[in-house]
Full PDB file with SEQRES, HELIX, SHEET, SSBOND, CRYST1, ORIGX, SCALE, CONECT and MASTER records, all heavy atoms in Angstrom:
SEQRES   1 A   45  MET GLN ASN LEU ALA ARG LEU LEU HIS MET VAL ASP LYS          
SEQRES   2 A   45  ASP GLY ILE LYS GLY GLU ILE VAL GLU THR GLY ILE ALA          
SEQRES   3 A   45  LYS GLY GLY SER VAL VAL PHE LEU ALA MET LEU THR ALA          
SEQRES   4 A   45  ARG SER ASN ILE LYS ARG                                      
HELIX    1 AA1 GLN A    2  LYS A   13  1                                  12    
HELIX    2 AA2 GLY A   29  ALA A   39  1                                  11    
CRYST1    1.000    1.000    1.000  90.00  90.00  90.00 P 1           1          
ORIGX1      1.000000  0.000000  0.000000        0.00000                         
ORIGX2      0.000000  1.000000  0.000000        0.00000                         
ORIGX3      0.000000  0.000000  1.000000        0.00000                         
SCALE1      1.000000  0.000000  0.000000        0.00000                         
SCALE2      0.000000  1.000000  0.000000        0.00000                         
SCALE3      0.000000  0.000000  1.000000        0.00000                         
ATOM      1  N   MET A   1     -10.677  12.423 -24.956  1.00  0.00           N  
ATOM      2  CA  MET A   1     -11.236  13.711 -24.559  1.00  0.00           C  
ATOM      3  C   MET A   1     -10.863  14.793 -25.574  1.00  0.00           C  
ATOM      4  O   MET A   1     -11.680  15.673 -25.887  1.00  0.00           O  
ATOM      5  CB  MET A   1     -10.768  14.084 -23.156  1.00  0.00           C  
ATOM      6  CG  MET A   1     -11.355  13.192 -22.081  1.00  0.00           C  
ATOM      7  SD  MET A   1     -10.775  13.580 -20.420  1.00  0.00           S  
ATOM      8  CE  MET A   1     -11.764  15.012 -20.062  1.00  0.00           C  
ATOM      9  N   GLN A   2      -9.652  14.723 -26.081  1.00  0.00           N  
ATOM     10  CA  GLN A   2      -9.265  15.685 -27.105  1.00  0.00           C  
ATOM     11  C   GLN A   2     -10.141  15.506 -28.352  1.00  0.00           C  
ATOM     12  O   GLN A   2     -10.522  16.487 -29.009  1.00  0.00           O  
ATOM     13  CB  GLN A   2      -7.782  15.540 -27.471  1.00  0.00           C  
ATOM     14  CG  GLN A   2      -7.315  16.651 -28.400  1.00  0.00           C  
ATOM     15  CD  GLN A   2      -5.881  16.510 -28.875  1.00  0.00           C  
ATOM     16  OE1 GLN A   2      -5.488  17.176 -29.837  1.00  0.00           O  
ATOM     17  NE2 GLN A   2      -5.085  15.678 -28.228  1.00  0.00           N  
ATOM     18  N   ASN A   3     -10.480  14.251 -28.662  1.00  0.00           N  
ATOM     19  CA  ASN A   3     -11.351  14.019 -29.815  1.00  0.00           C  
ATOM     20  C   ASN A   3     -12.761  14.542 -29.554  1.00  0.00           C  
ATOM     21  O   ASN A   3     -13.408  15.084 -30.465  1.00  0.00           O  
ATOM     22  CB  ASN A   3     -11.397  12.532 -30.166  1.00  0.00           C  
ATOM     23  CG  ASN A   3     -12.020  12.290 -31.529  1.00  0.00           C  
ATOM     24  OD1 ASN A   3     -11.707  12.983 -32.496  1.00  0.00           O  
ATOM     25  ND2 ASN A   3     -12.914  11.321 -31.612  1.00  0.00           N  
ATOM     26  N   LEU A   4     -13.255  14.384 -28.324  1.00  0.00           N  
ATOM     27  CA  LEU A   4     -14.552  14.977 -27.993  1.00  0.00           C  
ATOM     28  C   LEU A   4     -14.525  16.488 -28.213  1.00  0.00           C  
ATOM     29  O   LEU A   4     -15.470  17.065 -28.773  1.00  0.00           O  
ATOM     30  CB  LEU A   4     -14.921  14.670 -26.541  1.00  0.00           C  
ATOM     31  CG  LEU A   4     -15.219  13.228 -26.168  1.00  0.00           C  
ATOM     32  CD1 LEU A   4     -15.563  13.124 -24.679  1.00  0.00           C  
ATOM     33  CD2 LEU A   4     -16.350  12.645 -26.998  1.00  0.00           C  
ATOM     34  N   ALA A   5     -13.441  17.128 -27.779  1.00  0.00           N  
ATOM     35  CA  ALA A   5     -13.307  18.573 -27.963  1.00  0.00           C  
ATOM     36  C   ALA A   5     -13.272  18.927 -29.446  1.00  0.00           C  
ATOM     37  O   ALA A   5     -13.877  19.920 -29.883  1.00  0.00           O  
ATOM     38  CB  ALA A   5     -12.052  19.074 -27.261  1.00  0.00           C  
ATOM     39  N   ARG A   6     -12.568  18.117 -30.233  1.00  0.00           N  
ATOM     40  CA  ARG A   6     -12.474  18.366 -31.680  1.00  0.00           C  
ATOM     41  C   ARG A   6     -13.850  18.269 -32.336  1.00  0.00           C  
ATOM     42  O   ARG A   6     -14.229  19.124 -33.134  1.00  0.00           O  
ATOM     43  CB  ARG A   6     -11.526  17.346 -32.304  1.00  0.00           C  
ATOM     44  CG  ARG A   6     -11.338  17.473 -33.807  1.00  0.00           C  
ATOM     45  CD  ARG A   6     -10.329  16.441 -34.296  1.00  0.00           C  
ATOM     46  NE  ARG A   6     -10.901  15.116 -34.304  1.00  0.00           N  
ATOM     47  CZ  ARG A   6     -11.371  14.507 -35.396  1.00  0.00           C  
ATOM     48  NH1 ARG A   6     -11.376  15.149 -36.562  1.00  0.00           N  
ATOM     49  NH2 ARG A   6     -11.848  13.284 -35.336  1.00  0.00           N  
ATOM     50  N   LEU A   7     -14.616  17.236 -31.973  1.00  0.00           N  
ATOM     51  CA  LEU A   7     -15.935  17.047 -32.575  1.00  0.00           C  
ATOM     52  C   LEU A   7     -16.911  18.134 -32.138  1.00  0.00           C  
ATOM     53  O   LEU A   7     -17.722  18.619 -32.930  1.00  0.00           O  
ATOM     54  CB  LEU A   7     -16.469  15.664 -32.220  1.00  0.00           C  
ATOM     55  CG  LEU A   7     -15.679  14.493 -32.816  1.00  0.00           C  
ATOM     56  CD1 LEU A   7     -16.196  13.164 -32.264  1.00  0.00           C  
ATOM     57  CD2 LEU A   7     -15.756  14.494 -34.332  1.00  0.00           C  
ATOM     58  N   LEU A   8     -16.828  18.533 -30.868  1.00  0.00           N  
ATOM     59  CA  LEU A   8     -17.690  19.619 -30.414  1.00  0.00           C  
ATOM     60  C   LEU A   8     -17.349  20.922 -31.129  1.00  0.00           C  
ATOM     61  O   LEU A   8     -18.239  21.703 -31.481  1.00  0.00           O  
ATOM     62  CB  LEU A   8     -17.568  19.786 -28.899  1.00  0.00           C  
ATOM     63  CG  LEU A   8     -18.484  20.836 -28.262  1.00  0.00           C  
ATOM     64  CD1 LEU A   8     -19.953  20.574 -28.597  1.00  0.00           C  
ATOM     65  CD2 LEU A   8     -18.286  20.876 -26.748  1.00  0.00           C  
ATOM     66  N   HIS A   9     -16.066  21.147 -31.369  1.00  0.00           N  
ATOM     67  CA  HIS A   9     -15.654  22.331 -32.133  1.00  0.00           C  
ATOM     68  C   HIS A   9     -16.242  22.300 -33.539  1.00  0.00           C  
ATOM     69  O   HIS A   9     -16.722  23.331 -34.044  1.00  0.00           O  
ATOM     70  CB  HIS A   9     -14.126  22.412 -32.202  1.00  0.00           C  
ATOM     71  CG  HIS A   9     -13.637  23.442 -33.177  1.00  0.00           C  
ATOM     72  ND1 HIS A   9     -13.659  24.796 -32.906  1.00  0.00           N  
ATOM     73  CD2 HIS A   9     -13.138  23.312 -34.442  1.00  0.00           C  
ATOM     74  CE1 HIS A   9     -13.191  25.460 -33.941  1.00  0.00           C  
ATOM     75  NE2 HIS A   9     -12.873  24.591 -34.885  1.00  0.00           N  
ATOM     76  N   MET A  10     -16.222  21.130 -34.181  1.00  0.00           N  
ATOM     77  CA  MET A  10     -16.788  21.011 -35.528  1.00  0.00           C  
ATOM     78  C   MET A  10     -18.275  21.350 -35.527  1.00  0.00           C  
ATOM     79  O   MET A  10     -18.771  22.064 -36.401  1.00  0.00           O  
ATOM     80  CB  MET A  10     -16.577  19.597 -36.054  1.00  0.00           C  
ATOM     81  CG  MET A  10     -15.148  19.233 -36.376  1.00  0.00           C  
ATOM     82  SD  MET A  10     -15.072  17.522 -36.998  1.00  0.00           S  
ATOM     83  CE  MET A  10     -13.295  17.360 -37.257  1.00  0.00           C  
ATOM     84  N   VAL A  11     -18.981  20.828 -34.539  1.00  0.00           N  
ATOM     85  CA  VAL A  11     -20.411  21.090 -34.434  1.00  0.00           C  
ATOM     86  C   VAL A  11     -20.668  22.580 -34.197  1.00  0.00           C  
ATOM     87  O   VAL A  11     -21.558  23.185 -34.816  1.00  0.00           O  
ATOM     88  CB  VAL A  11     -21.015  20.226 -33.301  1.00  0.00           C  
ATOM     89  CG1 VAL A  11     -22.423  20.679 -32.960  1.00  0.00           C  
ATOM     90  CG2 VAL A  11     -21.011  18.751 -33.686  1.00  0.00           C  
ATOM     91  N   ASP A  12     -19.879  23.185 -33.317  1.00  0.00           N  
ATOM     92  CA  ASP A  12     -20.000  24.627 -33.069  1.00  0.00           C  
ATOM     93  C   ASP A  12     -19.705  25.433 -34.325  1.00  0.00           C  
ATOM     94  O   ASP A  12     -20.428  26.379 -34.672  1.00  0.00           O  
ATOM     95  CB  ASP A  12     -19.037  25.054 -31.960  1.00  0.00           C  
ATOM     96  CG  ASP A  12     -19.547  24.729 -30.562  1.00  0.00           C  
ATOM     97  OD1 ASP A  12     -20.698  24.262 -30.437  1.00  0.00           O  
ATOM     98  OD2 ASP A  12     -18.786  24.939 -29.595  1.00  0.00           O  
ATOM     99  N   LYS A  13     -18.619  25.066 -34.992  1.00  0.00           N  
ATOM    100  CA  LYS A  13     -18.194  25.806 -36.181  1.00  0.00           C  
ATOM    101  C   LYS A  13     -19.269  25.785 -37.259  1.00  0.00           C  
ATOM    102  O   LYS A  13     -19.467  26.771 -37.982  1.00  0.00           O  
ATOM    103  CB  LYS A  13     -16.890  25.207 -36.713  1.00  0.00           C  
ATOM    104  CG  LYS A  13     -16.306  25.938 -37.910  1.00  0.00           C  
ATOM    105  CD  LYS A  13     -15.007  25.285 -38.359  1.00  0.00           C  
ATOM    106  CE  LYS A  13     -14.448  25.988 -39.579  1.00  0.00           C  
ATOM    107  NZ  LYS A  13     -13.201  25.312 -40.062  1.00  0.00           N  
ATOM    108  N   ASP A  14     -19.971  24.655 -37.365  1.00  0.00           N  
ATOM    109  CA  ASP A  14     -21.019  24.516 -38.379  1.00  0.00           C  
ATOM    110  C   ASP A  14     -22.356  25.087 -37.916  1.00  0.00           C  
ATOM    111  O   ASP A  14     -23.351  25.021 -38.642  1.00  0.00           O  
ATOM    112  CB  ASP A  14     -21.201  23.046 -38.763  1.00  0.00           C  
ATOM    113  CG  ASP A  14     -20.005  22.509 -39.549  1.00  0.00           C  
ATOM    114  OD1 ASP A  14     -19.193  23.334 -40.026  1.00  0.00           O  
ATOM    115  OD2 ASP A  14     -19.883  21.279 -39.682  1.00  0.00           O  
ATOM    116  N   GLY A  15     -22.376  25.632 -36.692  1.00  0.00           N  
ATOM    117  CA  GLY A  15     -23.580  26.284 -36.199  1.00  0.00           C  
ATOM    118  C   GLY A  15     -24.733  25.343 -35.903  1.00  0.00           C  
ATOM    119  O   GLY A  15     -25.897  25.742 -35.976  1.00  0.00           O  
ATOM    120  N   ILE A  16     -24.421  24.091 -35.540  1.00  0.00           N  
ATOM    121  CA  ILE A  16     -25.461  23.116 -35.238  1.00  0.00           C  
ATOM    122  C   ILE A  16     -26.038  23.431 -33.861  1.00  0.00           C  
ATOM    123  O   ILE A  16     -25.341  23.344 -32.851  1.00  0.00           O  
ATOM    124  CB  ILE A  16     -24.921  21.678 -35.280  1.00  0.00           C  
ATOM    125  CG1 ILE A  16     -24.156  21.421 -36.588  1.00  0.00           C  
ATOM    126  CG2 ILE A  16     -26.058  20.681 -35.082  1.00  0.00           C  
ATOM    127  CD1 ILE A  16     -24.975  21.578 -37.836  1.00  0.00           C  
ATOM    128  N   LYS A  17     -27.297  23.790 -33.818  1.00  0.00           N  
ATOM    129  CA  LYS A  17     -27.946  24.133 -32.560  1.00  0.00           C  
ATOM    130  C   LYS A  17     -28.418  22.852 -31.853  1.00  0.00           C  
ATOM    131  O   LYS A  17     -28.731  21.853 -32.500  1.00  0.00           O  
ATOM    132  CB  LYS A  17     -29.137  25.055 -32.801  1.00  0.00           C  
ATOM    133  CG  LYS A  17     -28.762  26.374 -33.481  1.00  0.00           C  
ATOM    134  CD  LYS A  17     -27.909  27.240 -32.577  1.00  0.00           C  
ATOM    135  CE  LYS A  17     -27.498  28.532 -33.276  1.00  0.00           C  
ATOM    136  NZ  LYS A  17     -28.647  29.397 -33.594  1.00  0.00           N  
ATOM    137  N   GLY A  18     -28.484  22.896 -30.534  1.00  0.00           N  
ATOM    138  CA  GLY A  18     -28.985  21.755 -29.794  1.00  0.00           C  
ATOM    139  C   GLY A  18     -28.189  21.479 -28.536  1.00  0.00           C  
ATOM    140  O   GLY A  18     -27.153  22.095 -28.265  1.00  0.00           O  
ATOM    141  N   GLU A  19     -28.676  20.527 -27.776  1.00  0.00           N  
ATOM    142  CA  GLU A  19     -28.097  20.177 -26.494  1.00  0.00           C  
ATOM    143  C   GLU A  19     -26.954  19.174 -26.639  1.00  0.00           C  
ATOM    144  O   GLU A  19     -26.729  18.596 -27.701  1.00  0.00           O  
ATOM    145  CB  GLU A  19     -29.182  19.559 -25.594  1.00  0.00           C  
ATOM    146  CG  GLU A  19     -30.444  20.393 -25.475  1.00  0.00           C  
ATOM    147  CD  GLU A  19     -30.258  21.588 -24.563  1.00  0.00           C  
ATOM    148  OE1 GLU A  19     -29.491  22.499 -24.929  1.00  0.00           O  
ATOM    149  OE2 GLU A  19     -30.879  21.605 -23.481  1.00  0.00           O  
ATOM    150  N   ILE A  20     -26.243  18.971 -25.527  1.00  0.00           N  
ATOM    151  CA  ILE A  20     -25.250  17.906 -25.403  1.00  0.00           C  
ATOM    152  C   ILE A  20     -25.843  16.861 -24.461  1.00  0.00           C  
ATOM    153  O   ILE A  20     -26.300  17.193 -23.375  1.00  0.00           O  
ATOM    154  CB  ILE A  20     -23.924  18.436 -24.835  1.00  0.00           C  
ATOM    155  CG1 ILE A  20     -23.283  19.432 -25.805  1.00  0.00           C  
ATOM    156  CG2 ILE A  20     -22.966  17.289 -24.518  1.00  0.00           C  
ATOM    157  CD1 ILE A  20     -22.066  20.145 -25.244  1.00  0.00           C  
ATOM    158  N   VAL A  21     -25.845  15.603 -24.901  1.00  0.00           N  
ATOM    159  CA  VAL A  21     -26.372  14.529 -24.068  1.00  0.00           C  
ATOM    160  C   VAL A  21     -25.300  13.457 -23.916  1.00  0.00           C  
ATOM    161  O   VAL A  21     -24.685  13.040 -24.905  1.00  0.00           O  
ATOM    162  CB  VAL A  21     -27.647  13.903 -24.676  1.00  0.00           C  
ATOM    163  CG1 VAL A  21     -28.131  12.737 -23.813  1.00  0.00           C  
ATOM    164  CG2 VAL A  21     -28.742  14.955 -24.825  1.00  0.00           C  
ATOM    165  N   GLU A  22     -25.061  13.040 -22.665  1.00  0.00           N  
ATOM    166  CA  GLU A  22     -24.135  11.943 -22.407  1.00  0.00           C  
ATOM    167  C   GLU A  22     -24.861  10.873 -21.602  1.00  0.00           C  
ATOM    168  O   GLU A  22     -25.495  11.166 -20.590  1.00  0.00           O  
ATOM    169  CB  GLU A  22     -22.902  12.423 -21.639  1.00  0.00           C  
ATOM    170  CG  GLU A  22     -21.944  11.280 -21.310  1.00  0.00           C  
ATOM    171  CD  GLU A  22     -20.637  11.752 -20.701  1.00  0.00           C  
ATOM    172  OE1 GLU A  22     -19.811  12.295 -21.455  1.00  0.00           O  
ATOM    173  OE2 GLU A  22     -20.453  11.598 -19.482  1.00  0.00           O  
ATOM    174  N   THR A  23     -24.747   9.637 -22.039  1.00  0.00           N  
ATOM    175  CA  THR A  23     -25.320   8.511 -21.307  1.00  0.00           C  
ATOM    176  C   THR A  23     -24.177   7.669 -20.749  1.00  0.00           C  
ATOM    177  O   THR A  23     -23.293   7.243 -21.478  1.00  0.00           O  
ATOM    178  CB  THR A  23     -26.207   7.651 -22.218  1.00  0.00           C  
ATOM    179  OG1 THR A  23     -25.453   7.146 -23.326  1.00  0.00           O  
ATOM    180  CG2 THR A  23     -27.383   8.460 -22.755  1.00  0.00           C  
ATOM    181  N   GLY A  24     -24.207   7.479 -19.428  1.00  0.00           N  
ATOM    182  CA  GLY A  24     -23.124   6.776 -18.746  1.00  0.00           C  
ATOM    183  C   GLY A  24     -22.072   7.765 -18.292  1.00  0.00           C  
ATOM    184  O   GLY A  24     -20.997   7.873 -18.882  1.00  0.00           O  
ATOM    185  N   ILE A  25     -22.369   8.524 -17.230  1.00  0.00           N  
ATOM    186  CA  ILE A  25     -21.476   9.627 -16.866  1.00  0.00           C  
ATOM    187  C   ILE A  25     -20.484   9.262 -15.766  1.00  0.00           C  
ATOM    188  O   ILE A  25     -19.597  10.064 -15.457  1.00  0.00           O  
ATOM    189  CB  ILE A  25     -22.277  10.889 -16.479  1.00  0.00           C  
ATOM    190  CG1 ILE A  25     -22.952  10.737 -15.114  1.00  0.00           C  
ATOM    191  CG2 ILE A  25     -23.300  11.223 -17.541  1.00  0.00           C  
ATOM    192  CD1 ILE A  25     -23.631  12.022 -14.639  1.00  0.00           C  
ATOM    193  N   ALA A  26     -20.621   8.063 -15.166  1.00  0.00           N  
ATOM    194  CA  ALA A  26     -19.677   7.598 -14.141  1.00  0.00           C  
ATOM    195  C   ALA A  26     -19.490   8.670 -13.056  1.00  0.00           C  
ATOM    196  O   ALA A  26     -20.447   9.067 -12.416  1.00  0.00           O  
ATOM    197  CB  ALA A  26     -18.355   7.190 -14.771  1.00  0.00           C  
ATOM    198  N   LYS A  27     -18.267   9.169 -12.878  1.00  0.00           N  
ATOM    199  CA  LYS A  27     -18.002  10.177 -11.845  1.00  0.00           C  
ATOM    200  C   LYS A  27     -18.172  11.611 -12.340  1.00  0.00           C  
ATOM    201  O   LYS A  27     -17.917  12.562 -11.609  1.00  0.00           O  
ATOM    202  CB  LYS A  27     -16.598   9.986 -11.288  1.00  0.00           C  
ATOM    203  CG  LYS A  27     -16.429   8.681 -10.503  1.00  0.00           C  
ATOM    204  CD  LYS A  27     -15.039   8.564  -9.912  1.00  0.00           C  
ATOM    205  CE  LYS A  27     -14.897   7.283  -9.092  1.00  0.00           C  
ATOM    206  NZ  LYS A  27     -13.547   7.134  -8.506  1.00  0.00           N  
ATOM    207  N   GLY A  28     -18.581  11.755 -13.589  1.00  0.00           N  
ATOM    208  CA  GLY A  28     -18.924  13.082 -14.096  1.00  0.00           C  
ATOM    209  C   GLY A  28     -17.819  13.817 -14.814  1.00  0.00           C  
ATOM    210  O   GLY A  28     -18.003  14.967 -15.225  1.00  0.00           O  
ATOM    211  N   GLY A  29     -16.661  13.188 -15.019  1.00  0.00           N  
ATOM    212  CA  GLY A  29     -15.531  13.896 -15.606  1.00  0.00           C  
ATOM    213  C   GLY A  29     -15.784  14.425 -17.001  1.00  0.00           C  
ATOM    214  O   GLY A  29     -15.526  15.602 -17.282  1.00  0.00           O  
ATOM    215  N   SER A  30     -16.305  13.586 -17.892  1.00  0.00           N  
ATOM    216  CA  SER A  30     -16.485  14.055 -19.268  1.00  0.00           C  
ATOM    217  C   SER A  30     -17.678  14.995 -19.390  1.00  0.00           C  
ATOM    218  O   SER A  30     -17.683  15.889 -20.245  1.00  0.00           O  
ATOM    219  CB  SER A  30     -16.622  12.872 -20.235  1.00  0.00           C  
ATOM    220  OG  SER A  30     -17.610  11.959 -19.827  1.00  0.00           O  
ATOM    221  N   VAL A  31     -18.693  14.829 -18.525  1.00  0.00           N  
ATOM    222  CA  VAL A  31     -19.804  15.780 -18.515  1.00  0.00           C  
ATOM    223  C   VAL A  31     -19.296  17.177 -18.145  1.00  0.00           C  
ATOM    224  O   VAL A  31     -19.639  18.173 -18.787  1.00  0.00           O  
ATOM    225  CB  VAL A  31     -20.902  15.318 -17.528  1.00  0.00           C  
ATOM    226  CG1 VAL A  31     -21.762  16.485 -17.088  1.00  0.00           C  
ATOM    227  CG2 VAL A  31     -21.785  14.264 -18.169  1.00  0.00           C  
ATOM    228  N   VAL A  32     -18.463  17.254 -17.112  1.00  0.00           N  
ATOM    229  CA  VAL A  32     -17.897  18.543 -16.713  1.00  0.00           C  
ATOM    230  C   VAL A  32     -16.996  19.085 -17.814  1.00  0.00           C  
ATOM    231  O   VAL A  32     -17.022  20.288 -18.122  1.00  0.00           O  
ATOM    232  CB  VAL A  32     -17.121  18.411 -15.392  1.00  0.00           C  
ATOM    233  CG1 VAL A  32     -16.353  19.693 -15.089  1.00  0.00           C  
ATOM    234  CG2 VAL A  32     -18.068  18.092 -14.241  1.00  0.00           C  
ATOM    235  N   PHE A  33     -16.198  18.229 -18.420  1.00  0.00           N  
ATOM    236  CA  PHE A  33     -15.322  18.635 -19.518  1.00  0.00           C  
ATOM    237  C   PHE A  33     -16.132  19.277 -20.642  1.00  0.00           C  
ATOM    238  O   PHE A  33     -15.790  20.368 -21.131  1.00  0.00           O  
ATOM    239  CB  PHE A  33     -14.563  17.408 -20.026  1.00  0.00           C  
ATOM    240  CG  PHE A  33     -13.682  17.657 -21.214  1.00  0.00           C  
ATOM    241  CD1 PHE A  33     -12.535  18.426 -21.106  1.00  0.00           C  
ATOM    242  CD2 PHE A  33     -13.986  17.099 -22.448  1.00  0.00           C  
ATOM    243  CE1 PHE A  33     -11.710  18.657 -22.204  1.00  0.00           C  
ATOM    244  CE2 PHE A  33     -13.168  17.312 -23.551  1.00  0.00           C  
ATOM    245  CZ  PHE A  33     -12.032  18.090 -23.433  1.00  0.00           C  
ATOM    246  N   LEU A  34     -17.217  18.635 -21.049  1.00  0.00           N  
ATOM    247  CA  LEU A  34     -18.057  19.178 -22.116  1.00  0.00           C  
ATOM    248  C   LEU A  34     -18.719  20.477 -21.686  1.00  0.00           C  
ATOM    249  O   LEU A  34     -18.854  21.404 -22.485  1.00  0.00           O  
ATOM    250  CB  LEU A  34     -19.099  18.146 -22.531  1.00  0.00           C  
ATOM    251  CG  LEU A  34     -18.532  16.884 -23.212  1.00  0.00           C  
ATOM    252  CD1 LEU A  34     -19.612  15.808 -23.332  1.00  0.00           C  
ATOM    253  CD2 LEU A  34     -17.961  17.218 -24.590  1.00  0.00           C  
ATOM    254  N   ALA A  35     -19.114  20.561 -20.416  1.00  0.00           N  
ATOM    255  CA  ALA A  35     -19.710  21.798 -19.911  1.00  0.00           C  
ATOM    256  C   ALA A  35     -18.693  22.939 -19.910  1.00  0.00           C  
ATOM    257  O   ALA A  35     -19.032  24.095 -20.215  1.00  0.00           O  
ATOM    258  CB  ALA A  35     -20.272  21.578 -18.511  1.00  0.00           C  
ATOM    259  N   MET A  36     -17.451  22.634 -19.573  1.00  0.00           N  
ATOM    260  CA  MET A  36     -16.402  23.658 -19.587  1.00  0.00           C  
ATOM    261  C   MET A  36     -16.167  24.182 -20.992  1.00  0.00           C  
ATOM    262  O   MET A  36     -16.007  25.395 -21.201  1.00  0.00           O  
ATOM    263  CB  MET A  36     -15.104  23.085 -19.001  1.00  0.00           C  
ATOM    264  CG  MET A  36     -15.182  22.768 -17.515  1.00  0.00           C  
ATOM    265  SD  MET A  36     -13.689  21.963 -16.872  1.00  0.00           S  
ATOM    266  CE  MET A  36     -12.578  23.374 -16.779  1.00  0.00           C  
ATOM    267  N   LEU A  37     -16.141  23.278 -21.974  1.00  0.00           N  
ATOM    268  CA  LEU A  37     -15.959  23.711 -23.360  1.00  0.00           C  
ATOM    269  C   LEU A  37     -17.157  24.518 -23.837  1.00  0.00           C  
ATOM    270  O   LEU A  37     -17.009  25.519 -24.539  1.00  0.00           O  
ATOM    271  CB  LEU A  37     -15.756  22.494 -24.262  1.00  0.00           C  
ATOM    272  CG  LEU A  37     -14.523  21.629 -23.993  1.00  0.00           C  
ATOM    273  CD1 LEU A  37     -14.458  20.481 -25.000  1.00  0.00           C  
ATOM    274  CD2 LEU A  37     -13.232  22.446 -24.049  1.00  0.00           C  
ATOM    275  N   THR A  38     -18.351  24.088 -23.444  1.00  0.00           N  
ATOM    276  CA  THR A  38     -19.567  24.782 -23.857  1.00  0.00           C  
ATOM    277  C   THR A  38     -19.631  26.188 -23.272  1.00  0.00           C  
ATOM    278  O   THR A  38     -20.126  27.118 -23.921  1.00  0.00           O  
ATOM    279  CB  THR A  38     -20.809  23.969 -23.430  1.00  0.00           C  
ATOM    280  OG1 THR A  38     -20.771  22.698 -24.079  1.00  0.00           O  
ATOM    281  CG2 THR A  38     -22.091  24.673 -23.797  1.00  0.00           C  
ATOM    282  N   ALA A  39     -19.114  26.358 -22.066  1.00  0.00           N  
ATOM    283  CA  ALA A  39     -19.134  27.676 -21.426  1.00  0.00           C  
ATOM    284  C   ALA A  39     -18.320  28.700 -22.215  1.00  0.00           C  
ATOM    285  O   ALA A  39     -18.562  29.907 -22.101  1.00  0.00           O  
ATOM    286  CB  ALA A  39     -18.604  27.565 -19.997  1.00  0.00           C  
ATOM    287  N   ARG A  40     -17.358  28.217 -23.023  1.00  0.00           N  
ATOM    288  CA  ARG A  40     -16.515  29.113 -23.824  1.00  0.00           C  
ATOM    289  C   ARG A  40     -17.074  29.341 -25.216  1.00  0.00           C  
ATOM    290  O   ARG A  40     -16.527  30.119 -25.989  1.00  0.00           O  
ATOM    291  CB  ARG A  40     -15.114  28.523 -23.946  1.00  0.00           C  
ATOM    292  CG  ARG A  40     -14.365  28.407 -22.626  1.00  0.00           C  
ATOM    293  CD  ARG A  40     -13.214  27.423 -22.701  1.00  0.00           C  
ATOM    294  NE  ARG A  40     -12.573  27.378 -23.995  1.00  0.00           N  
ATOM    295  CZ  ARG A  40     -11.822  26.374 -24.434  1.00  0.00           C  
ATOM    296  NH1 ARG A  40     -11.624  25.325 -23.661  1.00  0.00           N  
ATOM    297  NH2 ARG A  40     -11.281  26.417 -25.620  1.00  0.00           N  
ATOM    298  N   SER A  41     -18.174  28.640 -25.557  1.00  0.00           N  
ATOM    299  CA  SER A  41     -18.724  28.699 -26.907  1.00  0.00           C  
ATOM    300  C   SER A  41     -19.724  29.837 -27.050  1.00  0.00           C  
ATOM    301  O   SER A  41     -20.338  30.286 -26.069  1.00  0.00           O  
ATOM    302  CB  SER A  41     -19.404  27.360 -27.242  1.00  0.00           C  
ATOM    303  OG  SER A  41     -20.107  27.451 -28.465  1.00  0.00           O  
ATOM    304  N   ASN A  42     -19.921  30.289 -28.276  1.00  0.00           N  
ATOM    305  CA  ASN A  42     -20.939  31.298 -28.560  1.00  0.00           C  
ATOM    306  C   ASN A  42     -22.330  30.692 -28.639  1.00  0.00           C  
ATOM    307  O   ASN A  42     -23.324  31.420 -28.664  1.00  0.00           O  
ATOM    308  CB  ASN A  42     -20.621  32.011 -29.882  1.00  0.00           C  
ATOM    309  CG  ASN A  42     -19.372  32.862 -29.793  1.00  0.00           C  
ATOM    310  OD1 ASN A  42     -19.095  33.443 -28.741  1.00  0.00           O  
ATOM    311  ND2 ASN A  42     -18.626  32.946 -30.878  1.00  0.00           N  
ATOM    312  N   ILE A  43     -22.402  29.366 -28.720  1.00  0.00           N  
ATOM    313  CA  ILE A  43     -23.691  28.680 -28.811  1.00  0.00           C  
ATOM    314  C   ILE A  43     -24.065  28.160 -27.430  1.00  0.00           C  
ATOM    315  O   ILE A  43     -23.335  27.381 -26.831  1.00  0.00           O  
ATOM    316  CB  ILE A  43     -23.633  27.522 -29.826  1.00  0.00           C  
ATOM    317  CG1 ILE A  43     -23.276  28.048 -31.220  1.00  0.00           C  
ATOM    318  CG2 ILE A  43     -24.974  26.783 -29.872  1.00  0.00           C  
ATOM    319  CD1 ILE A  43     -23.156  26.965 -32.275  1.00  0.00           C  
ATOM    320  N   LYS A  44     -25.196  28.597 -26.923  1.00  0.00           N  
ATOM    321  CA  LYS A  44     -25.658  28.198 -25.602  1.00  0.00           C  
ATOM    322  C   LYS A  44     -26.246  26.788 -25.664  1.00  0.00           C  
ATOM    323  O   LYS A  44     -27.138  26.519 -26.467  1.00  0.00           O  
ATOM    324  CB  LYS A  44     -26.706  29.189 -25.095  1.00  0.00           C  
ATOM    325  CG  LYS A  44     -27.332  28.813 -23.753  1.00  0.00           C  
ATOM    326  CD  LYS A  44     -26.315  28.821 -22.631  1.00  0.00           C  
ATOM    327  CE  LYS A  44     -26.968  28.541 -21.292  1.00  0.00           C  
ATOM    328  NZ  LYS A  44     -25.981  28.453 -20.206  1.00  0.00           N  
ATOM    329  N   ARG A  45     -25.716  25.894 -24.841  1.00  0.00           N  
ATOM    330  CA  ARG A  45     -26.220  24.530 -24.783  1.00  0.00           C  
ATOM    331  C   ARG A  45     -26.313  24.102 -23.317  1.00  0.00           C  
ATOM    332  O   ARG A  45     -25.513  24.529 -22.489  1.00  0.00           O  
ATOM    333  CB  ARG A  45     -25.291  23.551 -25.504  1.00  0.00           C  
ATOM    334  CG  ARG A  45     -24.862  23.942 -26.902  1.00  0.00           C  
ATOM    335  CD  ARG A  45     -24.024  22.818 -27.509  1.00  0.00           C  
ATOM    336  NE  ARG A  45     -23.336  23.228 -28.720  1.00  0.00           N  
ATOM    337  CZ  ARG A  45     -23.879  23.265 -29.928  1.00  0.00           C  
ATOM    338  NH1 ARG A  45     -25.152  22.947 -30.068  1.00  0.00           N  
ATOM    339  NH2 ARG A  45     -23.182  23.644 -30.983  1.00  0.00           N  
TER     340      ARG A  45                                                      
MASTER        0    0    0    2    0    0    0    6  339    1    0    4          
END                                                                             
């Protein structure tokens, strides 16, 4: 999960526009995690 956060930060830092897509969400933990990080970002996804 920390690596997911690191990679999302890299994408944000480089200004890459676009959505986040996860396939295989199980109980939803990592989807919520990514949504929480996105809510703090300047890039709307």
